[in-house]
Protein backbone atom coordinates (compact mmCIF):
# COMPACT_ATOMS: atom_id res chain seq x y z
CA MET A 1 120.87 89.54 98.90
CA THR A 2 117.14 89.44 98.15
CA PHE A 3 115.01 87.46 100.58
CA PRO A 4 111.46 86.16 99.96
CA GLN A 5 108.79 88.81 100.56
CA GLY A 6 107.69 88.13 104.12
CA PRO A 7 105.01 90.05 106.02
CA LEU A 8 107.60 92.53 107.37
CA ALA A 9 109.18 93.18 103.97
CA GLY A 10 110.09 96.85 103.58
CA ILE A 11 110.92 97.27 107.29
CA THR A 12 114.58 98.03 108.04
CA VAL A 13 115.90 97.21 111.50
CA ILE A 14 119.19 98.54 112.87
CA ASP A 15 120.34 95.94 115.36
CA LEU A 16 122.74 97.02 118.11
CA THR A 17 122.06 93.93 120.22
CA ARG A 18 124.29 91.10 121.32
CA VAL A 19 124.25 87.70 123.04
CA LEU A 20 120.63 86.41 123.20
CA ALA A 21 117.60 88.54 124.18
CA GLY A 22 118.13 91.19 121.51
CA PRO A 23 119.45 88.89 118.77
CA TYR A 24 116.51 86.54 119.32
CA CYS A 25 114.11 89.46 118.82
CA THR A 26 115.84 90.68 115.67
CA MET A 27 116.06 87.13 114.31
CA MET A 28 112.28 86.86 114.67
CA LEU A 29 111.88 90.11 112.75
CA ALA A 30 114.37 88.97 110.09
CA ASP A 31 112.62 85.60 109.73
CA LEU A 32 109.38 87.48 109.07
CA GLY A 33 110.91 89.48 106.26
CA ALA A 34 112.42 92.58 107.84
CA ARG A 35 115.85 93.68 106.72
CA VAL A 36 118.12 93.46 109.76
CA ILE A 37 121.50 95.20 109.75
CA LYS A 38 123.57 94.00 112.69
CA ILE A 39 126.01 96.57 114.07
CA GLU A 40 128.90 94.92 115.91
CA ASN A 41 131.90 96.05 117.89
CA PRO A 42 135.00 95.83 115.67
CA ASP A 43 136.86 94.22 118.58
CA GLY A 44 135.48 90.70 118.34
CA GLY A 45 131.88 91.52 117.49
CA ASP A 46 128.88 90.10 119.34
CA ASP A 47 130.04 88.47 122.60
CA SER A 48 128.31 85.23 121.64
CA ARG A 49 130.79 84.71 118.79
CA GLN A 50 133.18 83.56 121.53
CA VAL A 51 130.70 81.10 123.09
CA GLY A 52 130.87 77.42 122.13
CA PRO A 53 130.31 74.87 120.87
CA PHE A 54 132.23 75.69 117.71
CA VAL A 55 132.13 74.30 114.16
CA ASP A 56 135.31 75.07 112.24
CA GLY A 57 135.94 77.93 114.65
CA GLU A 58 132.43 79.42 114.27
CA SER A 59 130.07 79.63 117.24
CA ALA A 60 126.97 77.45 116.99
CA TYR A 61 125.42 79.67 119.69
CA PHE A 62 125.84 82.76 117.50
CA ALA A 63 124.70 80.95 114.35
CA SER A 64 121.50 79.75 116.02
CA VAL A 65 120.08 83.26 116.60
CA ASN A 66 121.62 85.45 113.90
CA ARG A 67 120.43 83.99 110.61
CA ASN A 68 118.98 86.25 107.91
CA LYS A 69 121.00 89.31 109.03
CA SER A 70 123.75 91.50 107.60
CA SER A 71 126.80 92.56 109.64
CA ILE A 72 128.92 95.68 109.76
CA ALA A 73 131.47 96.54 112.43
CA LEU A 74 131.21 100.09 113.81
CA ASP A 75 132.86 101.65 116.84
CA LEU A 76 130.16 103.87 118.33
CA LYS A 77 132.80 105.91 120.14
CA ASN A 78 134.36 106.84 116.80
CA ALA A 79 132.96 109.92 115.06
CA ASP A 80 133.25 108.50 111.53
CA ASP A 81 131.53 105.26 112.49
CA ARG A 82 128.80 107.16 114.32
CA ALA A 83 128.23 109.14 111.12
CA VAL A 84 127.61 105.84 109.31
CA LEU A 85 125.09 104.78 111.93
CA ASP A 86 123.37 108.17 111.73
CA LYS A 87 122.91 107.77 107.98
CA MET A 88 121.44 104.32 108.49
CA LEU A 89 119.03 105.63 111.12
CA ALA A 90 117.82 108.33 108.73
CA THR A 91 116.02 105.70 106.64
CA ALA A 92 115.51 102.94 109.22
CA ASP A 93 112.17 101.93 110.70
CA VAL A 94 113.38 100.29 113.91
CA LEU A 95 116.41 100.54 116.21
CA VAL A 96 116.89 97.72 118.72
CA GLU A 97 119.52 97.73 121.49
CA ASN A 98 120.08 95.73 124.65
CA PHE A 99 122.73 97.71 126.47
CA ARG A 100 122.42 98.37 130.17
CA ALA A 101 120.11 101.33 130.81
CA GLY A 102 122.01 104.61 130.33
CA VAL A 103 124.63 103.38 127.86
CA MET A 104 122.85 104.78 124.80
CA GLU A 105 122.42 108.10 126.57
CA LYS A 106 126.18 108.25 127.21
CA LEU A 107 126.75 107.66 123.50
CA GLY A 108 124.44 110.56 122.68
CA TYR A 109 121.53 108.48 121.42
CA THR A 110 118.84 109.52 123.86
CA TRP A 111 115.22 108.91 122.98
CA ASP A 112 114.56 112.64 122.79
CA THR A 113 117.46 113.12 120.39
CA LEU A 114 116.48 110.23 118.18
CA ARG A 115 112.82 111.25 118.17
CA SER A 116 113.66 114.79 117.08
CA ARG A 117 115.96 113.60 114.29
CA HIS A 118 113.93 110.60 113.15
CA PRO A 119 110.29 111.03 114.16
CA ARG A 120 109.15 107.82 112.45
CA LEU A 121 111.74 105.65 114.18
CA VAL A 122 110.59 102.90 116.56
CA TYR A 123 113.27 102.61 119.26
CA ALA A 124 113.27 99.39 121.27
CA SER A 125 115.42 98.90 124.36
CA ILE A 126 115.81 95.49 126.01
CA SER A 127 117.56 95.57 129.38
CA GLY A 128 117.64 93.64 132.61
CA PHE A 129 115.39 95.99 134.55
CA GLY A 130 114.02 98.59 132.13
CA GLN A 131 114.68 102.27 131.61
CA THR A 132 113.02 103.37 134.87
CA GLY A 133 112.90 102.19 138.47
CA PRO A 134 115.47 101.70 141.23
CA TYR A 135 117.14 98.71 139.51
CA ARG A 136 117.55 100.37 136.09
CA ASN A 137 121.37 100.58 136.28
CA ARG A 138 121.94 97.00 137.43
CA PRO A 139 123.47 94.48 135.01
CA ALA A 140 121.64 91.22 134.40
CA TYR A 141 121.86 87.87 132.73
CA ASP A 142 119.17 85.27 132.15
CA MET A 143 119.67 83.40 135.41
CA VAL A 144 119.66 86.62 137.43
CA VAL A 145 116.16 87.55 136.27
CA GLN A 146 114.91 83.97 136.52
CA ALA A 147 115.86 84.11 140.19
CA MET A 148 114.74 87.67 140.92
CA GLY A 149 111.54 87.30 138.90
CA GLY A 150 110.29 84.33 140.92
CA LEU A 151 110.39 81.75 138.14
CA MET A 152 113.07 79.65 139.83
CA SER A 153 111.04 79.61 143.06
CA VAL A 154 108.35 77.50 141.37
CA THR A 155 110.66 75.32 139.28
CA GLY A 156 112.16 72.07 140.52
CA GLU A 157 111.17 68.89 142.30
CA LEU A 158 108.74 68.84 145.21
CA GLY A 159 110.70 69.45 148.41
CA GLY A 160 113.90 70.15 146.49
CA ASN A 161 115.88 73.28 145.78
CA PRO A 162 114.66 75.83 143.24
CA ALA A 163 116.04 75.28 139.74
CA ARG A 164 116.76 77.28 136.63
CA VAL A 165 114.46 76.57 133.70
CA GLY A 166 116.37 74.42 131.22
CA VAL A 167 116.42 77.09 128.51
CA SER A 168 117.24 80.79 128.77
CA ILE A 169 113.63 81.84 129.26
CA GLY A 170 114.73 85.17 130.77
CA ASP A 171 116.40 86.15 127.51
CA ILE A 172 113.99 84.46 125.12
CA GLY A 173 110.90 85.78 126.93
CA ALA A 174 112.28 89.33 126.69
CA GLY A 175 113.09 88.82 123.01
CA LEU A 176 109.55 87.65 122.28
CA TYR A 177 107.90 90.48 124.21
CA ALA A 178 110.17 92.94 122.41
CA THR A 179 109.08 91.51 119.07
CA ILE A 180 105.45 92.02 120.06
CA GLY A 181 106.12 95.57 121.26
CA ILE A 182 108.00 96.55 118.11
CA GLN A 183 105.24 95.30 115.83
CA ALA A 184 102.60 97.06 117.93
CA ALA A 185 104.58 100.32 117.67
CA LEU A 186 104.90 99.87 113.89
CA LEU A 187 101.15 99.32 113.63
CA GLN A 188 100.54 102.46 115.69
CA ARG A 189 102.93 104.39 113.45
CA ALA A 190 100.86 103.39 110.43
CA THR A 191 98.03 105.41 111.99
CA THR A 192 99.88 108.27 113.65
CA GLY A 193 102.92 108.60 111.39
CA VAL A 194 105.11 108.79 114.48
CA GLY A 195 107.45 106.22 116.02
CA GLU A 196 107.52 105.35 119.71
CA ARG A 197 109.81 103.99 122.43
CA VAL A 198 109.49 100.32 123.39
CA ASP A 199 110.94 99.61 126.84
CA ILE A 200 111.37 95.90 127.64
CA SER A 201 112.65 94.75 131.02
CA MET A 202 113.76 91.13 131.37
CA LEU A 203 112.52 91.19 134.97
CA ASP A 204 109.12 92.50 133.85
CA CYS A 205 108.86 89.64 131.39
CA GLN A 206 109.56 87.05 134.09
CA VAL A 207 106.83 88.57 136.27
CA ALA A 208 104.44 88.45 133.31
CA LEU A 209 105.15 84.73 132.93
CA LEU A 210 104.13 84.12 136.56
CA GLU A 211 100.42 84.42 135.65
CA ASN A 212 99.27 81.39 137.66
CA PRO A 213 101.56 81.63 140.72
CA ILE A 214 100.73 85.31 141.28
CA ALA A 215 96.99 84.73 140.92
CA ARG A 216 97.09 81.70 143.26
CA PHE A 217 99.04 83.55 145.93
CA SER A 218 96.71 86.53 145.66
CA ALA A 219 93.65 84.30 146.01
CA THR A 220 94.87 81.94 148.75
CA GLY A 221 97.86 83.48 150.50
CA ASN A 222 99.73 80.20 149.99
CA VAL A 223 103.28 80.65 148.73
CA PRO A 224 103.77 78.75 145.44
CA LYS A 225 106.65 76.28 145.57
CA PRO A 226 108.26 73.77 143.21
CA LEU A 227 105.96 70.83 142.46
CA GLY A 228 107.98 68.87 139.94
CA THR A 229 105.85 68.17 136.86
CA ARG A 230 102.45 68.39 138.57
CA HIS A 231 99.99 71.20 137.90
CA PRO A 232 99.08 73.04 141.11
CA SER A 233 95.33 73.22 140.44
CA ILE A 234 94.39 70.45 138.00
CA THR A 235 94.71 66.67 138.45
CA PRO A 236 95.74 64.45 136.71
CA PHE A 237 98.06 66.87 134.95
CA ASP A 238 101.47 65.32 135.42
CA MET A 239 104.15 62.95 134.15
CA PHE A 240 103.57 59.28 134.94
CA ALA A 241 105.83 56.24 134.84
CA THR A 242 104.98 53.45 132.38
CA ARG A 243 106.58 50.03 131.99
CA ASP A 244 109.49 51.45 129.99
CA GLY A 245 109.53 55.19 130.48
CA PHE A 246 107.25 58.15 131.06
CA ILE A 247 104.13 59.69 129.60
CA VAL A 248 102.48 63.02 130.29
CA ILE A 249 98.71 62.97 130.77
CA ALA A 250 96.79 66.23 131.02
CA VAL A 251 93.12 66.00 132.01
CA GLY A 252 91.47 69.36 132.60
CA ASN A 253 87.84 68.46 133.26
CA ASP A 254 85.47 65.73 134.43
CA ALA A 255 84.50 64.61 130.93
CA LEU A 256 88.13 64.00 130.00
CA PHE A 257 88.70 62.20 133.28
CA ALA A 258 85.84 59.83 132.46
CA ARG A 259 87.46 59.14 129.07
CA LEU A 260 90.77 58.46 130.78
CA CYS A 261 89.19 56.02 133.24
CA THR A 262 87.48 54.16 130.42
CA ALA A 263 90.68 54.05 128.35
CA LEU A 264 92.62 52.67 131.31
CA ASP A 265 89.82 50.15 131.96
CA CYS A 266 89.30 51.58 135.43
CA PRO A 267 85.69 52.85 135.30
CA GLU A 268 85.36 52.62 139.09
CA TRP A 269 87.51 55.74 139.44
CA ILE A 270 84.77 57.85 137.85
CA ASP A 271 82.50 57.59 140.90
CA ASP A 272 85.23 57.29 143.53
CA PRO A 273 84.56 60.17 145.97
CA ARG A 274 88.26 61.00 145.97
CA PHE A 275 88.28 61.54 142.21
CA VAL A 276 84.76 62.71 141.41
CA SER A 277 85.64 66.35 140.67
CA VAL A 278 88.59 68.57 139.83
CA PRO A 279 88.94 69.84 143.43
CA ALA A 280 88.61 66.31 144.82
CA ARG A 281 91.21 64.92 142.44
CA ASN A 282 93.52 67.79 143.25
CA GLU A 283 93.18 67.11 146.98
CA HIS A 284 93.90 63.42 146.48
CA HIS A 285 96.54 63.77 143.76
CA VAL A 286 98.99 61.42 145.49
CA ALA A 287 96.45 58.61 145.66
CA LEU A 288 95.35 59.11 142.06
CA LYS A 289 98.92 59.13 140.77
CA SER A 290 99.61 55.91 142.63
CA CYS A 291 96.55 54.27 141.08
CA MET A 292 97.41 55.49 137.61
CA GLU A 293 101.05 54.44 137.70
CA ALA A 294 100.06 50.97 138.94
CA ARG A 295 97.84 50.64 135.87
CA LEU A 296 100.28 52.29 133.43
CA ALA A 297 102.98 49.81 134.50
CA ASP A 298 101.04 47.18 132.54
CA GLY A 299 102.08 48.70 129.21
CA THR A 300 104.80 50.61 127.44
CA THR A 301 104.66 54.29 126.66
CA ALA A 302 104.01 53.40 123.01
CA ASP A 303 101.12 51.12 124.03
CA TRP A 304 99.47 53.85 126.07
CA GLU A 305 99.99 56.43 123.35
CA VAL A 306 97.82 54.37 121.04
CA ILE A 307 95.14 53.74 123.67
CA LEU A 308 94.95 57.33 124.93
CA GLY A 309 95.10 58.72 121.40
CA THR A 310 92.14 56.59 120.36
CA ALA A 311 90.23 57.78 123.44
CA GLY A 312 90.98 61.46 122.75
CA VAL A 313 92.83 62.00 126.03
CA PRO A 314 95.52 64.72 125.88
CA HIS A 315 98.87 63.03 126.35
CA GLY A 316 102.41 62.91 125.05
CA PRO A 317 105.68 61.02 125.52
CA LEU A 318 108.67 62.53 127.26
CA ASN A 319 110.87 63.41 124.29
CA GLY A 320 114.50 64.38 124.44
CA VAL A 321 116.26 66.58 121.91
CA PRO A 322 117.16 63.60 119.64
CA GLN A 323 113.51 62.59 119.46
CA ILE A 324 112.43 66.16 118.63
CA MET A 325 114.99 66.34 115.83
CA ASP A 326 113.66 63.08 114.39
CA ASN A 327 109.96 63.86 114.83
CA PRO A 328 107.94 63.81 111.57
CA HIS A 329 105.36 66.34 112.80
CA VAL A 330 108.07 68.81 113.85
CA ALA A 331 109.68 68.37 110.44
CA SER A 332 106.37 68.86 108.65
CA ARG A 333 105.93 72.20 110.40
CA ASN A 334 109.35 73.42 109.18
CA MET A 335 110.53 73.75 112.77
CA LEU A 336 114.05 72.53 112.08
CA LEU A 337 116.21 74.58 109.75
CA ASP A 338 119.67 73.95 108.36
CA VAL A 339 121.95 76.98 108.39
CA GLY A 340 125.41 77.15 106.93
CA ILE A 341 128.36 77.16 109.29
CA GLY A 342 132.07 76.60 109.03
CA ALA A 343 133.64 75.37 105.81
CA GLY A 344 130.61 74.17 103.86
CA LYS A 345 128.92 72.51 106.81
CA THR A 346 125.38 72.92 108.15
CA LEU A 347 123.95 73.34 111.62
CA ARG A 348 120.40 72.27 112.44
CA VAL A 349 118.60 74.92 114.51
CA SER A 350 115.09 75.69 115.72
CA GLY A 351 112.73 77.21 113.18
CA ASN A 352 110.23 80.03 113.54
CA PRO A 353 106.79 78.99 114.89
CA VAL A 354 104.92 81.94 113.35
CA LYS A 355 103.01 80.66 110.32
CA ILE A 356 101.06 83.26 108.34
CA GLY A 357 98.63 82.26 105.62
CA ASP A 358 99.45 79.46 103.21
CA LYS A 359 102.27 81.14 101.31
CA TRP A 360 104.68 82.36 104.00
CA ASP A 361 106.80 80.18 106.22
CA ALA A 362 109.98 81.64 107.67
CA GLY A 363 113.18 79.91 106.71
CA ALA A 364 116.95 80.22 106.93
CA PHE A 365 117.46 82.34 103.83
CA ARG A 366 120.97 83.34 104.82
CA ARG A 367 123.50 81.93 107.29
CA ALA A 368 124.60 84.04 110.24
CA PRO A 369 127.07 86.62 108.92
CA SER A 370 130.77 86.72 109.67
CA LEU A 371 131.90 89.84 111.49
CA ASP A 372 131.79 92.88 109.18
CA GLN A 373 130.81 90.66 106.25
CA ASP A 374 128.63 93.30 104.59
CA ARG A 375 130.77 96.36 105.24
CA HIS A 376 131.47 97.44 101.67
CA PRO A 377 127.94 97.10 100.23
CA LEU A 378 126.44 98.81 103.28
CA LEU A 379 128.91 101.70 103.16
CA ASP A 380 128.24 102.08 99.45
CA GLU A 381 124.50 102.14 100.09
CA PHE A 382 124.43 104.57 102.99
CA THR A 383 127.46 106.79 102.45
CA GLY A 384 128.47 106.29 98.83
CA HIS A 385 132.19 105.67 98.47
CA GLU A 386 133.18 108.49 100.83
CA MET A 387 133.71 106.30 103.92
CA ARG A 388 134.52 102.96 102.35
CA SER A 389 137.79 101.51 103.57
């Protein structure tokens, strides 16, 4: 199948990944025009094929992160199947895997071996804890690294228990960082002619996402804790109750605060000593929130959206998934895609946020493949008819 010519057209990716972190990375690459050949275990394929919900027996989970890819089933412990993979690697640009550290070495695909055979190959590994360090052999899932990486310690309601972020940010963060690393290595290869190893640790990625908590602890010695929706250093920067729901208001400086006070018809707050500066407002955040919610109770969220929008105050309603899927701006940005699933049905999934120029916008050019769907054309391409079965 021929896809539109995206910015990564001409790049071939061999995808040994499964579940989420790796498939999310390779989906990003596929969306941007790379050819992604997904190698799956013949015994059931990618683990996420067995994860619901299901549409006509097909996993919506799998379909949501495996569009625009081909699939072939290979047993990497079988010599004939390994020979197929070796022929693919001979012309590939990128190999991505997310096995536990050491698994590829046991299969004979060490970095040194691959580099000697395929010097232009970019080899990306995504694992729980990376290829080095005392935790390298430990298994991990998203929630494990959210907990170990500190993210859960700052997520949740004030005074409550830590909480998992509502999406798999451990997996998705690693997938995004891997995408960045792979493209950086490809850019370097364009200069040096030589591929490189990209080592992505899910735990590393969680630590990288702790930019503010780490800096605050380093500066003050105060241990960051869950604060609910409030920002730890800027006020008002929170979710506030209105007459009929909630609205988020984010005011990052004194000029915006003055606009907010004028829009709310509370100009006296501008010169109130408790609210006169960012540090003062942060110290008296409880009092300011109380004042604001008393005023916001006079109108609906929709009312305040109009008023704050006219005043140029950053704000937004609290949307749920149904509202996002019915949002005209989200639709205009091509952020909801329909992919085929089941017997002639479609599944609406998140789109790709990377927009490049005015001619390229990633889409769902092909539904997620069934297991081993592309076996015959791939064997014909890489081995001729000698191994087709």
